[in-house]
């Protein structure tokens, strides 16, 4: 029986914590000149994944 592989894209984007998964915000990589300072500030840091999406991420990272 072959080993189950982790979804490599998901492995780079999500980190498992005690309360769920943490992830970085989207829309914070390039073309930031047109974005307001307030918007860029609010996209800093990490946040926890929405409960509705946890099942899908669990499935992608199940081989861990």
PDB file of N, CA and C in Angstrom:
ATOM      1  N   UNK A   1       0.848  -1.190   0.000  1.00  0.00           N
ATOM      2  CA  UNK A   1       0.000   0.000   0.000  1.00  0.00           C
ATOM      3  C   UNK A   1       0.887   1.245   0.000  1.00  0.00           C
ATOM      4  N   UNK A   2       0.731   2.139  -0.992  1.00  0.00           N
ATOM      5  CA  UNK A   2       1.575   3.338  -1.020  1.00  0.00           C
ATOM      6  C   UNK A   2       1.192   4.326   0.078  1.00  0.00           C
ATOM      7  N   UNK A   3       2.141   5.159   0.430  1.00  0.00           N
ATOM      8  CA  UNK A   3       1.882   6.177   1.446  1.00  0.00           C
ATOM      9  C   UNK A   3       0.953   7.248   0.889  1.00  0.00           C
ATOM     10  N   UNK A   4       0.089   7.771   1.741  1.00  0.00           N
ATOM     11  CA  UNK A   4      -0.774   8.885   1.337  1.00  0.00           C
ATOM     12  C   UNK A   4       0.056  10.153   1.308  1.00  0.00           C
ATOM     13  N   UNK A   5      -0.129  10.966   0.286  1.00  0.00           N
ATOM     14  CA  UNK A   5       0.648  12.191   0.157  1.00  0.00           C
ATOM     15  C   UNK A   5      -0.164  13.401   0.629  1.00  0.00           C
ATOM     16  N   UNK A   6       0.537  14.333   1.233  1.00  0.00           N
ATOM     17  CA  UNK A   6      -0.067  15.588   1.663  1.00  0.00           C
ATOM     18  C   UNK A   6      -0.242  16.480   0.442  1.00  0.00           C
ATOM     19  N   UNK A   7      -1.274  17.286   0.408  1.00  0.00           N
ATOM     20  CA  UNK A   7      -1.461  18.278  -0.643  1.00  0.00           C
ATOM     21  C   UNK A   7      -0.416  19.360  -0.415  1.00  0.00           C
ATOM     22  N   UNK A   8       0.609  19.414  -1.275  1.00  0.00           N
ATOM     23  CA  UNK A   8       1.766  20.274  -1.018  1.00  0.00           C
ATOM     24  C   UNK A   8       1.400  21.755  -0.999  1.00  0.00           C
ATOM     25  N   UNK A   9       0.412  22.147  -1.800  1.00  0.00           N
ATOM     26  CA  UNK A   9      -0.024  23.542  -1.804  1.00  0.00           C
ATOM     27  C   UNK A   9      -0.665  23.922  -0.486  1.00  0.00           C
ATOM     28  N   UNK A  10      -1.478  23.034   0.065  1.00  0.00           N
ATOM     29  CA  UNK A  10      -2.135  23.290   1.342  1.00  0.00           C
ATOM     30  C   UNK A  10      -1.132  23.268   2.482  1.00  0.00           C
ATOM     31  N   UNK A  11      -0.132  22.396   2.389  1.00  0.00           N
ATOM     32  CA  UNK A  11       0.874  22.289   3.438  1.00  0.00           C
ATOM     33  C   UNK A  11       1.652  23.587   3.593  1.00  0.00           C
ATOM     34  N   UNK A  12       1.836  24.313   2.484  1.00  0.00           N
ATOM     35  CA  UNK A  12       2.555  25.583   2.519  1.00  0.00           C
ATOM     36  C   UNK A  12       1.694  26.710   3.075  1.00  0.00           C
ATOM     37  N   UNK A  13       0.384  26.573   2.994  1.00  0.00           N
ATOM     38  CA  UNK A  13      -0.510  27.683   3.324  1.00  0.00           C
ATOM     39  C   UNK A  13      -1.162  27.603   4.702  1.00  0.00           C
ATOM     40  N   UNK A  14      -1.283  26.402   5.254  1.00  0.00           N
ATOM     41  CA  UNK A  14      -1.988  26.243   6.527  1.00  0.00           C
ATOM     42  C   UNK A  14      -1.101  25.594   7.572  1.00  0.00           C
ATOM     43  N   UNK A  15      -1.251  26.024   8.824  1.00  0.00           N
ATOM     44  CA  UNK A  15      -0.495  25.461   9.940  1.00  0.00           C
ATOM     45  C   UNK A  15      -1.489  25.020  10.998  1.00  0.00           C
ATOM     46  N   UNK A  16      -1.379  23.772  11.435  1.00  0.00           N
ATOM     47  CA  UNK A  16      -2.304  23.217  12.426  1.00  0.00           C
ATOM     48  C   UNK A  16      -2.001  23.785  13.808  1.00  0.00           C
ATOM     49  N   UNK A  17      -3.047  24.230  14.509  1.00  0.00           N
ATOM     50  CA  UNK A  17      -2.908  24.690  15.887  1.00  0.00           C
ATOM     51  C   UNK A  17      -3.923  23.941  16.739  1.00  0.00           C
ATOM     52  N   UNK A  18      -3.902  24.192  18.050  1.00  0.00           N
ATOM     53  CA  UNK A  18      -4.839  23.516  18.957  1.00  0.00           C
ATOM     54  C   UNK A  18      -6.283  23.896  18.640  1.00  0.00           C
ATOM     55  N   UNK A  19      -6.508  25.125  18.184  1.00  0.00           N
ATOM     56  CA  UNK A  19      -7.873  25.587  17.938  1.00  0.00           C
ATOM     57  C   UNK A  19      -8.310  25.440  16.483  1.00  0.00           C
ATOM     58  N   UNK A  20      -7.445  24.914  15.628  1.00  0.00           N
ATOM     59  CA  UNK A  20      -7.804  24.747  14.220  1.00  0.00           C
ATOM     60  C   UNK A  20      -6.603  24.962  13.325  1.00  0.00           C
ATOM     61  N   UNK A  21      -6.756  25.791  12.286  1.00  0.00           N
ATOM     62  CA  UNK A  21      -5.670  26.095  11.370  1.00  0.00           C
ATOM     63  C   UNK A  21      -5.465  27.598  11.300  1.00  0.00           C
ATOM     64  N   UNK A  22      -4.208  28.020  11.196  1.00  0.00           N
ATOM     65  CA  UNK A  22      -3.943  29.437  10.985  1.00  0.00           C
ATOM     66  C   UNK A  22      -3.467  29.626   9.559  1.00  0.00           C
ATOM     67  N   UNK A  23      -3.736  30.815   9.006  1.00  0.00           N
ATOM     68  CA  UNK A  23      -3.366  31.114   7.625  1.00  0.00           C
ATOM     69  C   UNK A  23      -3.115  32.602   7.470  1.00  0.00           C
ATOM     70  N   UNK A  24      -2.378  32.943   6.425  1.00  0.00           N
ATOM     71  CA  UNK A  24      -2.134  34.344   6.111  1.00  0.00           C
ATOM     72  C   UNK A  24      -3.309  34.873   5.309  1.00  0.00           C
ATOM     73  N   UNK A  25      -3.459  36.184   5.292  1.00  0.00           N
ATOM     74  CA  UNK A  25      -4.538  36.808   4.532  1.00  0.00           C
ATOM     75  C   UNK A  25      -4.196  36.866   3.046  1.00  0.00           C
ATOM     76  N   UNK A  26      -5.217  36.827   2.224  1.00  0.00           N
ATOM     77  CA  UNK A  26      -5.040  36.960   0.780  1.00  0.00           C
ATOM     78  C   UNK A  26      -4.933  38.442   0.417  1.00  0.00           C
ATOM     79  N   UNK A  27      -4.566  38.718  -0.826  1.00  0.00           N
ATOM     80  CA  UNK A  27      -4.480  40.079  -1.383  1.00  0.00           C
ATOM     81  C   UNK A  27      -3.401  40.925  -0.720  1.00  0.00           C
ATOM     82  N   UNK A  28      -2.307  40.312  -0.298  1.00  0.00           N
ATOM     83  CA  UNK A  28      -1.246  41.067   0.368  1.00  0.00           C
ATOM     84  C   UNK A  28       0.118  40.724  -0.228  1.00  0.00           C
ATOM     85  N   UNK A  29       0.172  40.411  -1.526  1.00  0.00           N
ATOM     86  CA  UNK A  29       1.449  39.995  -2.106  1.00  0.00           C
ATOM     87  C   UNK A  29       2.041  40.994  -3.095  1.00  0.00           C
ATOM     88  N   UNK A  30       1.244  41.589  -3.961  1.00  0.00           N
ATOM     89  CA  UNK A  30       1.781  42.539  -4.937  1.00  0.00           C
ATOM     90  C   UNK A  30       0.694  43.508  -5.379  1.00  0.00           C
ATOM     91  N   UNK A  31       1.089  44.545  -6.122  1.00  0.00           N
ATOM     92  CA  UNK A  31       0.216  45.649  -6.552  1.00  0.00           C
ATOM     93  C   UNK A  31      -0.477  46.261  -5.326  1.00  0.00           C
ATOM     94  N   UNK A  32       0.332  46.671  -4.363  1.00  0.00           N
ATOM     95  CA  UNK A  32      -0.205  47.227  -3.120  1.00  0.00           C
ATOM     96  C   UNK A  32      -0.297  48.740  -3.149  1.00  0.00           C
ATOM     97  N   UNK A  33       0.164  49.385  -4.214  1.00  0.00           N
ATOM     98  CA  UNK A  33       0.182  50.844  -4.258  1.00  0.00           C
ATOM     99  C   UNK A  33      -1.227  51.423  -4.311  1.00  0.00           C
ATOM    100  N   UNK A  34      -2.145  50.730  -4.952  1.00  0.00           N
ATOM    101  CA  UNK A  34      -3.514  51.239  -5.063  1.00  0.00           C
ATOM    102  C   UNK A  34      -4.357  50.938  -3.812  1.00  0.00           C
ATOM    103  N   UNK A  35      -3.838  50.090  -2.934  1.00  0.00           N
ATOM    104  CA  UNK A  35      -4.585  49.704  -1.732  1.00  0.00           C
ATOM    105  C   UNK A  35      -4.346  50.710  -0.603  1.00  0.00           C
ATOM    106  N   UNK A  36      -5.389  51.001   0.139  1.00  0.00           N
ATOM    107  CA  UNK A  36      -5.250  51.964   1.226  1.00  0.00           C
ATOM    108  C   UNK A  36      -4.384  51.393   2.345  1.00  0.00           C
ATOM    109  N   UNK A  37      -3.783  52.295   3.108  1.00  0.00           N
ATOM    110  CA  UNK A  37      -2.926  51.892   4.217  1.00  0.00           C
ATOM    111  C   UNK A  37      -3.724  51.113   5.245  1.00  0.00           C
ATOM    112  N   UNK A  38      -4.976  51.521   5.471  1.00  0.00           N
ATOM    113  CA  UNK A  38      -5.832  50.837   6.442  1.00  0.00           C
ATOM    114  C   UNK A  38      -6.065  49.382   6.030  1.00  0.00           C
ATOM    115  N   UNK A  39      -6.321  49.177   4.736  1.00  0.00           N
ATOM    116  CA  UNK A  39      -6.577  47.824   4.234  1.00  0.00           C
ATOM    117  C   UNK A  39      -5.336  46.946   4.375  1.00  0.00           C
ATOM    118  N   UNK A  40      -4.184  47.487   4.034  1.00  0.00           N
ATOM    119  CA  UNK A  40      -2.942  46.719   4.140  1.00  0.00           C
ATOM    120  C   UNK A  40      -2.634  46.382   5.595  1.00  0.00           C
ATOM    121  N   UNK A  41      -2.896  47.287   6.490  1.00  0.00           N
ATOM    122  CA  UNK A  41      -2.659  47.067   7.917  1.00  0.00           C
ATOM    123  C   UNK A  41      -3.568  45.960   8.444  1.00  0.00           C
ATOM    124  N   UNK A  42      -4.819  45.950   7.988  1.00  0.00           N
ATOM    125  CA  UNK A  42      -5.768  44.940   8.456  1.00  0.00           C
ATOM    126  C   UNK A  42      -5.464  43.546   7.911  1.00  0.00           C
ATOM    127  N   UNK A  43      -4.718  43.467   6.820  1.00  0.00           N
ATOM    128  CA  UNK A  43      -4.370  42.174   6.226  1.00  0.00           C
ATOM    129  C   UNK A  43      -3.091  41.588   6.793  1.00  0.00           C
ATOM    130  N   UNK A  44      -2.438  42.307   7.712  1.00  0.00           N
ATOM    131  CA  UNK A  44      -1.205  41.804   8.325  1.00  0.00           C
ATOM    132  C   UNK A  44      -1.485  40.612   9.231  1.00  0.00           C
ATOM    133  N   UNK A  45      -0.437  39.828   9.471  1.00  0.00           N
ATOM    134  CA  UNK A  45      -0.538  38.753  10.457  1.00  0.00           C
ATOM    135  C   UNK A  45      -1.323  37.556   9.974  1.00  0.00           C
ATOM    136  N   UNK A  46      -1.711  36.720  10.916  1.00  0.00           N
ATOM    137  CA  UNK A  46      -2.444  35.499  10.592  1.00  0.00           C
ATOM    138  C   UNK A  46      -3.792  35.488  11.293  1.00  0.00           C
ATOM    139  N   UNK A  47      -4.673  34.632  10.834  1.00  0.00           N
ATOM    140  CA  UNK A  47      -5.958  34.447  11.495  1.00  0.00           C
ATOM    141  C   UNK A  47      -6.325  32.968  11.414  1.00  0.00           C
ATOM    142  N   UNK A  48      -7.360  32.584  12.152  1.00  0.00           N
ATOM    143  CA  UNK A  48      -7.771  31.186  12.146  1.00  0.00           C
ATOM    144  C   UNK A  48      -8.714  30.923  10.978  1.00  0.00           C
ATOM    145  N   UNK A  49      -8.673  29.713  10.495  1.00  0.00           N
ATOM    146  CA  UNK A  49      -9.493  29.315   9.359  1.00  0.00           C
ATOM    147  C   UNK A  49     -10.954  29.218   9.775  1.00  0.00           C
ATOM    148  N   UNK A  50     -11.844  29.581   8.870  1.00  0.00           N
ATOM    149  CA  UNK A  50     -13.270  29.474   9.118  1.00  0.00           C
ATOM    150  C   UNK A  50     -13.646  28.006   9.321  1.00  0.00           C
ATOM    151  N   UNK A  51     -14.565  27.746  10.236  1.00  0.00           N
ATOM    152  CA  UNK A  51     -14.969  26.376  10.568  1.00  0.00           C
ATOM    153  C   UNK A  51     -15.524  25.629   9.355  1.00  0.00           C
ATOM    154  N   UNK A  52     -16.166  26.351   8.439  1.00  0.00           N
ATOM    155  CA  UNK A  52     -16.740  25.718   7.250  1.00  0.00           C
ATOM    156  C   UNK A  52     -15.667  25.158   6.329  1.00  0.00           C
ATOM    157  N   UNK A  53     -14.457  25.700   6.371  1.00  0.00           N
ATOM    158  CA  UNK A  53     -13.379  25.261   5.494  1.00  0.00           C
ATOM    159  C   UNK A  53     -12.463  24.227   6.139  1.00  0.00           C
ATOM    160  N   UNK A  54     -12.612  23.990   7.442  1.00  0.00           N
ATOM    161  CA  UNK A  54     -11.691  23.103   8.156  1.00  0.00           C
ATOM    162  C   UNK A  54     -11.729  21.672   7.638  1.00  0.00           C
ATOM    163  N   UNK A  55     -12.878  21.179   7.264  1.00  0.00           N
ATOM    164  CA  UNK A  55     -13.005  19.800   6.793  1.00  0.00           C
ATOM    165  C   UNK A  55     -12.195  19.589   5.519  1.00  0.00           C
ATOM    166  N   UNK A  56     -12.246  20.564   4.612  1.00  0.00           N
ATOM    167  CA  UNK A  56     -11.508  20.452   3.353  1.00  0.00           C
ATOM    168  C   UNK A  56     -10.005  20.470   3.598  1.00  0.00           C
ATOM    169  N   UNK A  57      -9.543  21.340   4.495  1.00  0.00           N
ATOM    170  CA  UNK A  57      -8.111  21.438   4.784  1.00  0.00           C
ATOM    171  C   UNK A  57      -7.650  20.189   5.525  1.00  0.00           C
ATOM    172  N   UNK A  58      -8.472  19.678   6.424  1.00  0.00           N
ATOM    173  CA  UNK A  58      -8.152  18.425   7.131  1.00  0.00           C
ATOM    174  C   UNK A  58      -7.903  17.294   6.121  1.00  0.00           C
ATOM    175  N   UNK A  59      -8.740  17.233   5.116  1.00  0.00           N
ATOM    176  CA  UNK A  59      -8.630  16.184   4.097  1.00  0.00           C
ATOM    177  C   UNK A  59      -7.342  16.334   3.298  1.00  0.00           C
ATOM    178  N   UNK A  60      -6.964  17.581   2.995  1.00  0.00           N
ATOM    179  CA  UNK A  60      -5.750  17.806   2.211  1.00  0.00           C
ATOM    180  C   UNK A  60      -4.478  17.512   3.014  1.00  0.00           C
ATOM    181  N   UNK A  61      -4.563  17.654   4.334  1.00  0.00           N
ATOM    182  CA  UNK A  61      -3.375  17.465   5.178  1.00  0.00           C
ATOM    183  C   UNK A  61      -3.422  16.172   5.992  1.00  0.00           C
ATOM    184  N   UNK A  62      -4.278  15.242   5.628  1.00  0.00           N
ATOM    185  CA  UNK A  62      -4.526  14.052   6.441  1.00  0.00           C
ATOM    186  C   UNK A  62      -3.336  13.123   6.592  1.00  0.00           C
ATOM    187  N   UNK A  63      -2.354  13.179   5.693  1.00  0.00           N
ATOM    188  CA  UNK A  63      -1.231  12.251   5.759  1.00  0.00           C
ATOM    189  C   UNK A  63      -0.244  12.597   6.862  1.00  0.00           C
ATOM    190  N   UNK A  64      -0.402  13.763   7.486  1.00  0.00           N
ATOM    191  CA  UNK A  64       0.527  14.159   8.552  1.00  0.00           C
ATOM    192  C   UNK A  64       0.318  13.347   9.799  1.00  0.00           C
TER     193      UNK A  64
END
